[in-house]
């Protein structure tokens, strides 16, 4: 009978211990699977956020490029107006010099009066340099408006480059793997 008891304990003891191991092994497997699912879910969230940024960024980039283009055009227009104003002012100075030289040589009193009138108009025009100053102020303002727009564009381009690097981790220094 002792033998039967011993065999009974051995058979059922082995089975009971194997049930404990199976439960422990199953629990560990389930825990590993749960951890893997959580990790996958987190990676999926990150990937979705990256995808959303990747979809939004090109449209923001295009809009910012348009803003930079408009600001550049305003700056170019302001520079052109300033150059025209400075050229006009130079022409007025040249005309003034020419009128003064002609006045010295002129003997006819009527023509002398006409030259003096032209000299006075030219001097008045030179003294009224507000248009040139306005053009300079407009140019400075246009430069100040362009700078932050260009900075925003550069920041968006950097973000786009970072997204491209994240999507192509094997890519190094602009080389595309074949």
Protein backbone atom coordinates (compact mmCIF):
# COMPACT_ATOMS: atom_id res chain seq x y z
CA UNK A 1 0.00 0.00 0.00
CA UNK A 2 2.83 2.32 0.67
CA UNK A 3 3.95 1.67 -2.77
CA UNK A 4 0.54 2.55 -4.20
CA UNK A 5 0.48 5.73 -2.15
CA UNK A 6 3.94 6.60 -3.34
CA UNK A 7 3.04 5.96 -6.98
CA UNK A 8 -0.19 7.93 -6.51
CA UNK A 9 1.72 10.90 -5.07
CA UNK A 10 4.41 10.75 -7.73
CA UNK A 11 1.93 10.59 -10.62
CA UNK A 12 -0.38 13.26 -9.29
CA UNK A 13 2.50 15.36 -7.91
CA UNK A 14 4.20 15.48 -11.29
CA UNK A 15 0.97 16.41 -12.97
CA UNK A 16 0.23 19.08 -10.37
CA UNK A 17 3.70 20.57 -10.72
CA UNK A 18 3.39 20.55 -14.50
CA UNK A 19 0.07 22.40 -14.18
CA UNK A 20 1.83 25.03 -12.04
CA UNK A 21 4.59 25.36 -14.57
CA UNK A 22 2.14 25.57 -17.45
CA UNK A 23 0.18 28.28 -15.68
CA UNK A 24 3.39 30.17 -14.90
CA UNK A 25 4.65 29.74 -18.45
CA UNK A 26 1.30 30.82 -19.88
CA UNK A 27 1.25 33.86 -17.59
CA UNK A 28 4.76 34.84 -18.66
CA UNK A 29 3.81 34.38 -22.32
CA UNK A 30 0.66 36.45 -21.88
CA UNK A 31 2.66 39.14 -20.07
CA UNK A 32 5.23 39.21 -22.89
CA UNK A 33 2.46 39.43 -25.48
CA UNK A 34 0.75 42.22 -23.57
CA UNK A 35 4.03 44.15 -23.37
CA UNK A 36 4.59 43.62 -27.09
CA UNK A 37 1.06 44.85 -27.91
CA UNK A 38 1.58 47.93 -25.76
CA UNK A 39 4.89 48.65 -27.45
CA UNK A 40 3.29 48.21 -30.88
CA UNK A 41 0.44 50.51 -29.92
CA UNK A 42 2.92 53.17 -28.78
CA UNK A 43 4.92 52.82 -32.00
CA UNK A 44 1.68 53.07 -33.99
CA UNK A 45 0.75 56.29 -32.19
CA UNK A 46 4.16 57.76 -32.91
CA UNK A 47 3.94 56.66 -36.53
CA UNK A 48 0.47 58.17 -36.95
CA UNK A 49 1.59 61.46 -35.45
CA UNK A 50 4.61 61.48 -37.76
CA UNK A 51 2.37 60.69 -40.74
CA UNK A 52 0.01 63.52 -39.85
CA UNK A 53 2.92 65.95 -39.60
CA UNK A 54 4.27 64.64 -42.88
CA UNK A 55 0.91 65.34 -44.52
CA UNK A 56 0.50 68.82 -43.04
CA UNK A 57 4.09 70.00 -43.41
CA UNK A 58 4.22 70.24 -47.24
CA UNK A 59 1.14 72.46 -47.36
CA UNK A 60 2.56 74.68 -44.63
CA UNK A 61 5.85 74.75 -46.52
CA UNK A 62 4.12 75.87 -49.73
CA UNK A 63 2.18 78.58 -47.90
CA UNK A 64 5.37 79.82 -46.24
CA UNK A 65 7.23 79.80 -49.55
CA UNK A 66 4.46 81.99 -50.96
CA UNK A 67 4.81 84.37 -47.99
CA UNK A 68 8.57 84.56 -48.52
CA UNK A 69 8.03 85.20 -52.23
CA UNK A 70 5.60 88.04 -51.49
CA UNK A 71 7.99 89.56 -48.94
CA UNK A 72 10.88 89.25 -51.40
CA UNK A 73 8.83 90.96 -54.09
CA UNK A 74 7.99 93.81 -51.71
CA UNK A 75 11.67 94.18 -50.87
CA UNK A 76 12.68 94.15 -54.53
CA UNK A 77 10.01 96.74 -55.33
CA UNK A 78 11.18 98.95 -52.45
CA UNK A 79 14.78 98.65 -53.61
CA UNK A 80 13.77 99.51 -57.15
CA UNK A 81 11.86 102.61 -56.00
CA UNK A 82 14.80 103.66 -53.83
CA UNK A 83 17.21 103.22 -56.73
CA UNK A 84 14.90 105.25 -58.97
CA UNK A 85 14.62 108.00 -56.35
CA UNK A 86 18.39 108.10 -55.89
CA UNK A 87 18.92 108.21 -59.66
CA UNK A 88 16.40 111.05 -59.92
CA UNK A 89 18.18 112.93 -57.14
CA UNK A 90 21.52 112.45 -58.93
CA UNK A 91 19.96 113.73 -62.15
CA UNK A 92 18.64 116.79 -60.34
CA UNK A 93 22.12 117.48 -58.92
CA UNK A 94 23.63 117.14 -62.40
CA UNK A 95 20.99 119.47 -63.84
CA UNK A 96 21.60 121.97 -61.04
CA UNK A 97 25.32 121.98 -61.80
CA UNK A 98 24.60 122.39 -65.50
CA UNK A 99 22.16 125.28 -64.83
CA UNK A 100 24.68 127.02 -62.55
CA UNK A 101 27.41 126.65 -65.19
CA UNK A 102 25.06 127.98 -67.88
CA UNK A 103 24.07 130.93 -65.68
CA UNK A 104 27.68 132.01 -65.39
CA UNK A 105 28.07 132.10 -69.19
CA UNK A 106 24.62 133.56 -70.01
CA UNK A 107 24.43 137.24 -70.92
CA UNK A 108 20.71 137.46 -71.76
CA UNK A 109 18.75 138.68 -68.65
CA UNK A 110 15.59 136.75 -69.64
CA UNK A 111 17.52 133.51 -69.95
CA UNK A 112 19.38 134.29 -66.72
CA UNK A 113 16.03 134.64 -64.96
CA UNK A 114 14.85 131.32 -66.45
CA UNK A 115 18.07 129.61 -65.32
CA UNK A 116 17.74 131.08 -61.82
CA UNK A 117 14.17 129.77 -61.65
CA UNK A 118 15.34 126.31 -62.73
CA UNK A 119 18.17 126.46 -60.18
CA UNK A 120 15.68 127.37 -57.42
CA UNK A 121 13.34 124.53 -58.44
CA UNK A 122 16.24 122.06 -58.50
CA UNK A 123 17.50 123.23 -55.10
CA UNK A 124 14.00 122.94 -53.64
CA UNK A 125 13.70 119.46 -55.09
CA UNK A 126 17.03 118.44 -53.56
CA UNK A 127 16.10 119.89 -50.18
CA UNK A 128 12.86 117.95 -50.22
CA UNK A 129 14.49 114.55 -49.84
CA UNK A 130 11.48 113.07 -48.05
CA UNK A 131 10.65 110.77 -50.97
CA UNK A 132 14.11 109.20 -50.84
CA UNK A 133 13.83 108.86 -47.06
CA UNK A 134 10.40 107.24 -47.43
CA UNK A 135 11.83 104.82 -49.96
CA UNK A 136 14.68 103.97 -47.57
CA UNK A 137 12.23 103.42 -44.72
CA UNK A 138 10.07 101.20 -46.95
CA UNK A 139 13.13 99.17 -47.91
CA UNK A 140 14.16 98.70 -44.27
CA UNK A 141 10.62 97.68 -43.33
CA UNK A 142 10.48 95.19 -46.21
CA UNK A 143 13.80 93.67 -45.11
CA UNK A 144 12.50 93.37 -41.56
CA UNK A 145 9.36 91.62 -42.81
CA UNK A 146 11.31 89.23 -45.04
CA UNK A 147 13.69 88.06 -42.33
CA UNK A 148 11.12 86.35 -40.03
CA UNK A 149 9.28 84.86 -43.01
CA UNK A 150 12.56 83.36 -44.24
CA UNK A 151 13.29 82.07 -40.72
CA UNK A 152 9.88 80.35 -40.61
CA UNK A 153 10.55 78.78 -44.00
CA UNK A 154 13.95 77.53 -42.84
CA UNK A 155 12.36 76.02 -39.71
CA UNK A 156 9.74 74.20 -41.80
CA UNK A 157 12.42 72.91 -44.15
CA UNK A 158 14.38 71.63 -41.14
CA UNK A 159 11.27 69.84 -39.82
CA UNK A 160 10.71 68.27 -43.22
CA UNK A 161 14.34 67.13 -43.36
CA UNK A 162 13.97 65.56 -39.90
CA UNK A 163 10.85 63.69 -41.00
CA UNK A 164 12.64 62.42 -44.07
CA UNK A 165 15.53 61.23 -41.90
CA UNK A 166 13.10 59.42 -39.57
CA UNK A 167 11.46 57.70 -42.52
CA UNK A 168 14.84 56.79 -44.06
CA UNK A 169 17.10 55.91 -41.10
CA UNK A 170 19.74 54.33 -43.37
CA UNK A 171 20.17 57.53 -45.36
CA UNK A 172 23.32 59.46 -44.55
CA UNK A 173 24.39 62.90 -45.69
CA UNK A 174 21.92 63.16 -48.50
CA UNK A 175 22.74 59.79 -50.06
CA UNK A 176 19.80 57.62 -50.95
CA UNK A 177 20.40 53.86 -50.46
CA UNK A 178 19.91 51.77 -53.59
